[in-house]
PDB file of all heavy atoms in Angstrom:
ATOM      1  N   ILE A   1      11.065  -6.406   2.431  1.00  0.00           N
ATOM      2  CA  ILE A   1       9.657  -5.918   2.633  1.00  0.00           C
ATOM      3  C   ILE A   1       9.690  -4.428   2.988  1.00  0.00           C
ATOM      4  O   ILE A   1       9.043  -3.694   2.481  1.00  0.00           O
ATOM      5  CB  ILE A   1       8.843  -6.816   3.518  1.00  0.00           C
ATOM      6  CG1 ILE A   1       8.525  -8.049   2.837  1.00  0.00           C
ATOM      7  CG2 ILE A   1       7.583  -6.140   4.034  1.00  0.00           C
ATOM      8  CD1 ILE A   1       7.761  -9.151   3.792  1.00  0.00           C
ATOM      9  N   ALA A   2      10.580  -4.217   4.005  1.00  0.00           N
ATOM     10  CA  ALA A   2      10.629  -2.789   4.481  1.00  0.00           C
ATOM     11  C   ALA A   2      11.271  -1.905   3.417  1.00  0.00           C
ATOM     12  O   ALA A   2      10.759  -0.790   3.130  1.00  0.00           O
ATOM     13  CB  ALA A   2      11.518  -2.709   5.695  1.00  0.00           C
ATOM     14  N   ARG A   3      12.420  -2.306   2.754  1.00  0.00           N
ATOM     15  CA  ARG A   3      13.084  -1.498   1.784  1.00  0.00           C
ATOM     16  C   ARG A   3      12.283  -1.153   0.540  1.00  0.00           C
ATOM     17  O   ARG A   3      12.327  -0.148   0.078  1.00  0.00           O
ATOM     18  CB  ARG A   3      14.404  -2.284   1.430  1.00  0.00           C
ATOM     19  CG  ARG A   3      15.277  -1.460   0.403  1.00  0.00           C
ATOM     20  CD  ARG A   3      16.635  -2.124   0.197  1.00  0.00           C
ATOM     21  NE  ARG A   3      17.377  -1.286  -0.641  1.00  0.00           N
ATOM     22  CZ  ARG A   3      18.668  -1.450  -0.751  1.00  0.00           C
ATOM     23  NH1 ARG A   3      19.318  -2.408  -0.036  1.00  0.00           N
ATOM     24  NH2 ARG A   3      19.397  -0.649  -1.576  1.00  0.00           N
ATOM     25  N   PHE A   4      11.506  -2.151   0.028  1.00  0.00           N
ATOM     26  CA  PHE A   4      10.790  -2.015  -1.180  1.00  0.00           C
ATOM     27  C   PHE A   4       9.362  -1.790  -1.088  1.00  0.00           C
ATOM     28  O   PHE A   4       8.580  -1.842  -2.035  1.00  0.00           O
ATOM     29  CB  PHE A   4      11.147  -3.222  -2.069  1.00  0.00           C
ATOM     30  CG  PHE A   4      12.601  -3.324  -2.562  1.00  0.00           C
ATOM     31  CD1 PHE A   4      13.417  -4.253  -1.779  1.00  0.00           C
ATOM     32  CD2 PHE A   4      13.177  -2.503  -3.464  1.00  0.00           C
ATOM     33  CE1 PHE A   4      14.716  -4.387  -2.067  1.00  0.00           C
ATOM     34  CE2 PHE A   4      14.455  -2.661  -3.755  1.00  0.00           C
ATOM     35  CZ  PHE A   4      15.331  -3.480  -3.079  1.00  0.00           C
ATOM     36  N   SER A   5       8.839  -1.660   0.187  1.00  0.00           N
ATOM     37  CA  SER A   5       7.408  -1.559   0.445  1.00  0.00           C
ATOM     38  C   SER A   5       6.578  -2.748  -0.183  1.00  0.00           C
ATOM     39  O   SER A   5       5.595  -2.394  -0.868  1.00  0.00           O
ATOM     40  CB  SER A   5       6.853  -0.150   0.024  1.00  0.00           C
ATOM     41  OG  SER A   5       7.551   0.894   0.558  1.00  0.00           O
ATOM     42  N   LEU A   6       7.056  -3.913   0.026  1.00  0.00           N
ATOM     43  CA  LEU A   6       6.464  -5.062  -0.479  1.00  0.00           C
ATOM     44  C   LEU A   6       5.063  -5.347   0.279  1.00  0.00           C
ATOM     45  O   LEU A   6       5.000  -5.003   1.527  1.00  0.00           O
ATOM     46  CB  LEU A   6       7.307  -6.259  -0.499  1.00  0.00           C
ATOM     47  CG  LEU A   6       8.520  -6.287  -1.315  1.00  0.00           C
ATOM     48  CD1 LEU A   6       9.351  -7.551  -1.046  1.00  0.00           C
ATOM     49  CD2 LEU A   6       8.309  -6.052  -2.812  1.00  0.00           C
ATOM     50  N   GLN A   7       4.248  -6.079  -0.438  1.00  0.00           N
ATOM     51  CA  GLN A   7       2.926  -6.477   0.229  1.00  0.00           C
ATOM     52  C   GLN A   7       3.227  -7.847   0.766  1.00  0.00           C
ATOM     53  O   GLN A   7       2.626  -8.304   1.767  1.00  0.00           O
ATOM     54  CB  GLN A   7       1.792  -6.538  -0.807  1.00  0.00           C
ATOM     55  CG  GLN A   7       1.393  -5.080  -1.216  1.00  0.00           C
ATOM     56  CD  GLN A   7       0.596  -5.168  -2.513  1.00  0.00           C
ATOM     57  OE1 GLN A   7       0.488  -6.166  -3.191  1.00  0.00           O
ATOM     58  NE2 GLN A   7      -0.178  -4.037  -2.695  1.00  0.00           N
ATOM     59  N   ASP A   8       4.155  -8.644   0.096  1.00  0.00           N
ATOM     60  CA  ASP A   8       4.381  -9.951   0.503  1.00  0.00           C
ATOM     61  C   ASP A   8       5.592 -10.548  -0.213  1.00  0.00           C
ATOM     62  O   ASP A   8       6.062 -10.005  -1.155  1.00  0.00           O
ATOM     63  CB  ASP A   8       3.118 -10.911   0.202  1.00  0.00           C
ATOM     64  CG  ASP A   8       3.182 -12.196   1.015  1.00  0.00           C
ATOM     65  OD1 ASP A   8       4.005 -12.425   1.781  1.00  0.00           O
ATOM     66  OD2 ASP A   8       2.202 -13.025   0.647  1.00  0.00           O
ATOM     67  N   ALA A   9       6.283 -11.574   0.323  1.00  0.00           N
ATOM     68  CA  ALA A   9       7.296 -12.243  -0.379  1.00  0.00           C
ATOM     69  C   ALA A   9       7.423 -13.783   0.118  1.00  0.00           C
ATOM     70  O   ALA A   9       6.983 -14.070   1.226  1.00  0.00           O
ATOM     71  CB  ALA A   9       8.622 -11.558  -0.128  1.00  0.00           C
ATOM     72  N   ILE A  10       7.869 -14.561  -0.732  1.00  0.00           N
ATOM     73  CA  ILE A  10       8.069 -15.991  -0.376  1.00  0.00           C
ATOM     74  C   ILE A  10       9.399 -16.440  -0.932  1.00  0.00           C
ATOM     75  O   ILE A  10       9.940 -16.115  -2.092  1.00  0.00           O
ATOM     76  CB  ILE A  10       6.898 -16.827  -1.008  1.00  0.00           C
ATOM     77  CG1 ILE A  10       7.070 -18.330  -0.550  1.00  0.00           C
ATOM     78  CG2 ILE A  10       6.799 -16.685  -2.529  1.00  0.00           C
ATOM     79  CD1 ILE A  10       5.837 -19.121  -1.098  1.00  0.00           C
ATOM     80  N   VAL A  11      10.044 -17.417  -0.178  1.00  0.00           N
ATOM     81  CA  VAL A  11      11.228 -18.062  -0.588  1.00  0.00           C
ATOM     82  C   VAL A  11      11.012 -19.563  -0.303  1.00  0.00           C
ATOM     83  O   VAL A  11      10.725 -19.855   0.692  1.00  0.00           O
ATOM     84  CB  VAL A  11      12.482 -17.584   0.114  1.00  0.00           C
ATOM     85  CG1 VAL A  11      13.774 -18.477  -0.228  1.00  0.00           C
ATOM     86  CG2 VAL A  11      12.803 -16.131  -0.287  1.00  0.00           C
ATOM     87  N   VAL A  12      11.154 -20.414  -1.356  1.00  0.00           N
ATOM     88  CA  VAL A  12      11.132 -21.873  -1.262  1.00  0.00           C
ATOM     89  C   VAL A  12      12.616 -22.218  -1.647  1.00  0.00           C
ATOM     90  O   VAL A  12      12.944 -21.828  -2.764  1.00  0.00           O
ATOM     91  CB  VAL A  12      10.136 -22.507  -1.992  1.00  0.00           C
ATOM     92  CG1 VAL A  12      10.252 -24.072  -1.936  1.00  0.00           C
ATOM     93  CG2 VAL A  12       8.684 -22.049  -1.604  1.00  0.00           C
ATOM     94  N   HIS A  13      13.291 -23.052  -0.850  1.00  0.00           N
ATOM     95  CA  HIS A  13      14.690 -23.429  -1.191  1.00  0.00           C
ATOM     96  C   HIS A  13      14.886 -24.841  -0.865  1.00  0.00           C
ATOM     97  O   HIS A  13      14.553 -25.308   0.197  1.00  0.00           O
ATOM     98  CB  HIS A  13      15.663 -22.566  -0.389  1.00  0.00           C
ATOM     99  CG  HIS A  13      17.031 -22.316  -0.985  1.00  0.00           C
ATOM    100  ND1 HIS A  13      17.852 -23.372  -1.421  1.00  0.00           N
ATOM    101  CD2 HIS A  13      17.637 -21.252  -1.440  1.00  0.00           C
ATOM    102  CE1 HIS A  13      18.882 -22.841  -1.992  1.00  0.00           C
ATOM    103  NE2 HIS A  13      18.802 -21.566  -2.079  1.00  0.00           N
ATOM    104  N   ARG A  14      15.410 -25.495  -1.910  1.00  0.00           N
ATOM    105  CA  ARG A  14      15.725 -27.035  -1.729  1.00  0.00           C
ATOM    106  C   ARG A  14      17.038 -27.162  -0.881  1.00  0.00           C
ATOM    107  O   ARG A  14      17.829 -26.284  -0.875  1.00  0.00           O
ATOM    108  CB  ARG A  14      16.042 -27.689  -3.063  1.00  0.00           C
ATOM    109  CG  ARG A  14      14.862 -27.661  -3.944  1.00  0.00           C
ATOM    110  CD  ARG A  14      13.986 -28.965  -3.694  1.00  0.00           C
ATOM    111  NE  ARG A  14      14.789 -30.163  -3.741  1.00  0.00           N
ATOM    112  CZ  ARG A  14      15.011 -30.916  -4.879  1.00  0.00           C
ATOM    113  NH1 ARG A  14      14.636 -30.445  -6.014  1.00  0.00           N
ATOM    114  NH2 ARG A  14      15.667 -32.054  -4.778  1.00  0.00           N
ATOM    115  N   THR A  15      17.070 -28.273  -0.090  1.00  0.00           N
ATOM    116  CA  THR A  15      18.216 -28.722   0.542  1.00  0.00           C
ATOM    117  C   THR A  15      18.386 -30.172   0.142  1.00  0.00           C
ATOM    118  O   THR A  15      17.510 -30.804  -0.507  1.00  0.00           O
ATOM    119  CB  THR A  15      18.076 -28.614   2.145  1.00  0.00           C
ATOM    120  OG1 THR A  15      16.926 -29.364   2.492  1.00  0.00           O
ATOM    121  CG2 THR A  15      18.024 -27.126   2.411  1.00  0.00           C
ATOM    122  N   GLY A  16      19.512 -30.851   0.555  1.00  0.00           N
ATOM    123  CA  GLY A  16      19.697 -32.239   0.192  1.00  0.00           C
ATOM    124  C   GLY A  16      20.375 -32.362  -1.296  1.00  0.00           C
ATOM    125  O   GLY A  16      20.986 -31.380  -1.842  1.00  0.00           O
ATOM    126  N   ARG A  17      20.119 -33.350  -1.832  1.00  0.00           N
ATOM    127  CA  ARG A  17      20.761 -33.591  -3.172  1.00  0.00           C
ATOM    128  C   ARG A  17      19.782 -33.318  -4.284  1.00  0.00           C
ATOM    129  O   ARG A  17      18.467 -33.639  -4.414  1.00  0.00           O
ATOM    130  CB  ARG A  17      21.003 -35.083  -3.248  1.00  0.00           C
ATOM    131  CG  ARG A  17      22.130 -35.565  -2.293  1.00  0.00           C
ATOM    132  CD  ARG A  17      22.414 -37.004  -2.144  1.00  0.00           C
ATOM    133  NE  ARG A  17      23.039 -37.597  -3.263  1.00  0.00           N
ATOM    134  CZ  ARG A  17      24.378 -37.575  -3.556  1.00  0.00           C
ATOM    135  NH1 ARG A  17      25.156 -36.992  -2.655  1.00  0.00           N
ATOM    136  NH2 ARG A  17      24.875 -38.071  -4.589  1.00  0.00           N
ATOM    137  N   ILE A  18      20.330 -32.558  -5.279  1.00  0.00           N
ATOM    138  CA  ILE A  18      19.506 -31.954  -6.358  1.00  0.00           C
ATOM    139  C   ILE A  18      20.201 -32.193  -7.614  1.00  0.00           C
ATOM    140  O   ILE A  18      21.343 -31.952  -7.879  1.00  0.00           O
ATOM    141  CB  ILE A  18      19.372 -30.383  -6.157  1.00  0.00           C
ATOM    142  CG1 ILE A  18      18.812 -30.030  -4.824  1.00  0.00           C
ATOM    143  CG2 ILE A  18      18.547 -29.806  -7.216  1.00  0.00           C
ATOM    144  CD1 ILE A  18      19.146 -28.641  -4.327  1.00  0.00           C
ATOM    145  N   ALA A  19      19.290 -32.805  -8.574  1.00  0.00           N
ATOM    146  CA  ALA A  19      19.850 -33.095  -9.839  1.00  0.00           C
ATOM    147  C   ALA A  19      19.847 -31.936 -10.881  1.00  0.00           C
ATOM    148  O   ALA A  19      19.038 -31.117 -10.712  1.00  0.00           O
ATOM    149  CB  ALA A  19      19.012 -34.314 -10.520  1.00  0.00           C
ATOM    150  N   PRO A  20      20.700 -32.020 -11.796  1.00  0.00           N
ATOM    151  CA  PRO A  20      20.676 -31.009 -12.834  1.00  0.00           C
ATOM    152  C   PRO A  20      19.427 -30.736 -13.433  1.00  0.00           C
ATOM    153  O   PRO A  20      18.741 -31.814 -13.761  1.00  0.00           O
ATOM    154  CB  PRO A  20      21.821 -31.450 -13.813  1.00  0.00           C
ATOM    155  CG  PRO A  20      22.811 -32.199 -13.053  1.00  0.00           C
ATOM    156  CD  PRO A  20      21.941 -32.927 -12.017  1.00  0.00           C
ATOM    157  N   GLY A  21      18.875 -29.558 -13.717  1.00  0.00           N
ATOM    158  CA  GLY A  21      17.562 -29.367 -14.289  1.00  0.00           C
ATOM    159  C   GLY A  21      16.413 -29.168 -13.222  1.00  0.00           C
ATOM    160  O   GLY A  21      15.467 -28.720 -13.527  1.00  0.00           O
ATOM    161  N   GLU A  22      16.716 -29.591 -12.017  1.00  0.00           N
ATOM    162  CA  GLU A  22      15.704 -29.391 -10.976  1.00  0.00           C
ATOM    163  C   GLU A  22      15.769 -28.037 -10.347  1.00  0.00           C
ATOM    164  O   GLU A  22      16.811 -27.404 -10.265  1.00  0.00           O
ATOM    165  CB  GLU A  22      15.913 -30.482  -9.914  1.00  0.00           C
ATOM    166  CG  GLU A  22      15.595 -31.840 -10.315  1.00  0.00           C
ATOM    167  CD  GLU A  22      15.687 -32.883  -9.099  1.00  0.00           C
ATOM    168  OE1 GLU A  22      16.316 -32.527  -8.048  1.00  0.00           O
ATOM    169  OE2 GLU A  22      15.100 -33.923  -9.276  1.00  0.00           O
ATOM    170  N   ALA A  23      14.625 -27.558  -9.900  1.00  0.00           N
ATOM    171  CA  ALA A  23      14.643 -26.224  -9.204  1.00  0.00           C
ATOM    172  C   ALA A  23      15.266 -26.375  -7.871  1.00  0.00           C
ATOM    173  O   ALA A  23      15.055 -27.188  -7.202  1.00  0.00           O
ATOM    174  CB  ALA A  23      13.123 -25.793  -9.223  1.00  0.00           C
ATOM    175  N   ILE A  24      16.172 -25.278  -7.677  1.00  0.00           N
ATOM    176  CA  ILE A  24      16.757 -25.090  -6.330  1.00  0.00           C
ATOM    177  C   ILE A  24      16.102 -24.179  -5.550  1.00  0.00           C
ATOM    178  O   ILE A  24      15.861 -24.294  -4.277  1.00  0.00           O
ATOM    179  CB  ILE A  24      18.178 -24.624  -6.599  1.00  0.00           C
ATOM    180  CG1 ILE A  24      18.990 -25.565  -7.384  1.00  0.00           C
ATOM    181  CG2 ILE A  24      18.896 -24.382  -5.085  1.00  0.00           C
ATOM    182  CD1 ILE A  24      20.378 -24.939  -7.674  1.00  0.00           C
ATOM    183  N   VAL A  25      15.622 -22.958  -6.065  1.00  0.00           N
ATOM    184  CA  VAL A  25      15.118 -21.984  -5.354  1.00  0.00           C
ATOM    185  C   VAL A  25      14.015 -21.233  -6.090  1.00  0.00           C
ATOM    186  O   VAL A  25      14.026 -21.159  -7.324  1.00  0.00           O
ATOM    187  CB  VAL A  25      16.170 -20.819  -4.934  1.00  0.00           C
ATOM    188  CG1 VAL A  25      16.814 -20.266  -6.168  1.00  0.00           C
ATOM    189  CG2 VAL A  25      15.722 -19.708  -4.024  1.00  0.00           C
ATOM    190  N   PHE A  26      12.985 -20.810  -5.406  1.00  0.00           N
ATOM    191  CA  PHE A  26      11.854 -19.995  -5.939  1.00  0.00           C
ATOM    192  C   PHE A  26      11.683 -18.738  -5.048  1.00  0.00           C
ATOM    193  O   PHE A  26      11.569 -18.901  -3.820  1.00  0.00           O
ATOM    194  CB  PHE A  26      10.523 -20.868  -6.018  1.00  0.00           C
ATOM    195  CG  PHE A  26       9.365 -20.052  -6.324  1.00  0.00           C
ATOM    196  CD1 PHE A  26       9.034 -19.855  -7.678  1.00  0.00           C
ATOM    197  CD2 PHE A  26       8.554 -19.576  -5.449  1.00  0.00           C
ATOM    198  CE1 PHE A  26       8.010 -19.069  -8.076  1.00  0.00           C
ATOM    199  CE2 PHE A  26       7.412 -18.806  -5.795  1.00  0.00           C
ATOM    200  CZ  PHE A  26       7.061 -18.578  -7.172  1.00  0.00           C
ATOM    201  N   VAL A  27      11.667 -17.610  -5.711  1.00  0.00           N
ATOM    202  CA  VAL A  27      11.479 -16.343  -4.913  1.00  0.00           C
ATOM    203  C   VAL A  27      10.311 -15.605  -5.646  1.00  0.00           C
ATOM    204  O   VAL A  27      10.327 -15.578  -6.843  1.00  0.00           O
ATOM    205  CB  VAL A  27      12.723 -15.494  -4.917  1.00  0.00           C
ATOM    206  CG1 VAL A  27      12.445 -14.117  -4.325  1.00  0.00           C
ATOM    207  CG2 VAL A  27      13.820 -16.148  -4.147  1.00  0.00           C
ATOM    208  N   ALA A  28       9.386 -15.080  -4.865  1.00  0.00           N
ATOM    209  CA  ALA A  28       8.317 -14.293  -5.524  1.00  0.00           C
ATOM    210  C   ALA A  28       8.069 -13.160  -4.490  1.00  0.00           C
ATOM    211  O   ALA A  28       8.151 -13.173  -3.339  1.00  0.00           O
ATOM    212  CB  ALA A  28       7.038 -14.977  -5.658  1.00  0.00           C
ATOM    213  N   THR A  29       7.862 -11.911  -5.156  1.00  0.00           N
ATOM    214  CA  THR A  29       7.611 -10.735  -4.367  1.00  0.00           C
ATOM    215  C   THR A  29       6.372 -10.162  -4.945  1.00  0.00           C
ATOM    216  O   THR A  29       6.082 -10.157  -6.186  1.00  0.00           O
ATOM    217  CB  THR A  29       8.711  -9.778  -4.478  1.00  0.00           C
ATOM    218  OG1 THR A  29       9.017  -9.516  -5.891  1.00  0.00           O
ATOM    219  CG2 THR A  29       9.948 -10.293  -3.889  1.00  0.00           C
ATOM    220  N   ALA A  30       5.504  -9.485  -4.047  1.00  0.00           N
ATOM    221  CA  ALA A  30       4.351  -8.799  -4.486  1.00  0.00           C
ATOM    222  C   ALA A  30       4.400  -7.389  -3.979  1.00  0.00           C
ATOM    223  O   ALA A  30       4.733  -7.133  -2.918  1.00  0.00           O
ATOM    224  CB  ALA A  30       3.075  -9.529  -3.814  1.00  0.00           C
ATOM    225  N   ALA A  31       4.057  -6.523  -4.950  1.00  0.00           N
ATOM    226  CA  ALA A  31       4.001  -5.068  -4.633  1.00  0.00           C
ATOM    227  C   ALA A  31       2.949  -4.293  -5.267  1.00  0.00           C
ATOM    228  O   ALA A  31       2.324  -4.864  -6.216  1.00  0.00           O
ATOM    229  CB  ALA A  31       5.436  -4.398  -4.869  1.00  0.00           C
ATOM    230  N   ALA A  32       2.788  -3.103  -4.961  1.00  0.00           N
ATOM    231  CA  ALA A  32       1.755  -2.210  -5.640  1.00  0.00           C
ATOM    232  C   ALA A  32       2.227  -1.923  -7.088  1.00  0.00           C
ATOM    233  O   ALA A  32       1.325  -1.801  -8.036  1.00  0.00           O
ATOM    234  CB  ALA A  32       1.527  -0.959  -4.870  1.00  0.00           C
ATOM    235  N   HIS A  33       3.499  -1.899  -7.279  1.00  0.00           N
ATOM    236  CA  HIS A  33       4.112  -1.473  -8.611  1.00  0.00           C
ATOM    237  C   HIS A  33       5.194  -2.326  -8.986  1.00  0.00           C
ATOM    238  O   HIS A  33       5.944  -2.936  -8.146  1.00  0.00           O
ATOM    239  CB  HIS A  33       4.592   0.054  -8.530  1.00  0.00           C
ATOM    240  CG  HIS A  33       3.535   0.942  -8.093  1.00  0.00           C
ATOM    241  ND1 HIS A  33       2.457   1.319  -8.966  1.00  0.00           N
ATOM    242  CD2 HIS A  33       3.235   1.519  -6.922  1.00  0.00           C
ATOM    243  CE1 HIS A  33       1.670   2.203  -8.260  1.00  0.00           C
ATOM    244  NE2 HIS A  33       2.038   2.306  -7.072  1.00  0.00           N
ATOM    245  N   ARG A  34       5.456  -2.476 -10.268  1.00  0.00           N
ATOM    246  CA  ARG A  34       6.341  -3.432 -10.882  1.00  0.00           C
ATOM    247  C   ARG A  34       7.776  -3.205 -10.411  1.00  0.00           C
ATOM    248  O   ARG A  34       8.478  -4.124 -10.193  1.00  0.00           O
ATOM    249  CB  ARG A  34       6.188  -3.454 -12.388  1.00  0.00           C
ATOM    250  CG  ARG A  34       6.945  -2.413 -13.061  1.00  0.00           C
ATOM    251  CD  ARG A  34       6.835  -2.547 -14.611  1.00  0.00           C
ATOM    252  NE  ARG A  34       6.826  -1.150 -15.133  1.00  0.00           N
ATOM    253  CZ  ARG A  34       8.073  -0.471 -15.308  1.00  0.00           C
ATOM    254  NH1 ARG A  34       9.200  -1.150 -14.969  1.00  0.00           N
ATOM    255  NH2 ARG A  34       8.051   0.684 -15.708  1.00  0.00           N
ATOM    256  N   ARG A  35       8.312  -1.984 -10.464  1.00  0.00           N
ATOM    257  CA  ARG A  35       9.672  -1.740 -10.174  1.00  0.00           C
ATOM    258  C   ARG A  35       9.981  -2.213  -8.731  1.00  0.00           C
ATOM    259  O   ARG A  35      11.063  -2.889  -8.597  1.00  0.00           O
ATOM    260  CB  ARG A  35       9.904  -0.272 -10.192  1.00  0.00           C
ATOM    261  CG  ARG A  35      11.471   0.112  -9.862  1.00  0.00           C
ATOM    262  CD  ARG A  35      12.425  -0.279 -10.951  1.00  0.00           C
ATOM    263  NE  ARG A  35      12.060   0.248 -12.322  1.00  0.00           N
ATOM    264  CZ  ARG A  35      12.217  -0.389 -13.455  1.00  0.00           C
ATOM    265  NH1 ARG A  35      12.742  -1.535 -13.432  1.00  0.00           N
ATOM    266  NH2 ARG A  35      11.760   0.104 -14.573  1.00  0.00           N
TER     267      ARG A  35
END
């Protein structure tokens, strides 16, 4: 957030047993500009 001047960010990460094809991690970042 500090480095890229983000407005917000989220991380959702699975733990435990995960089958192939299932989502492990989700990351999203929000900023004023795309870069």
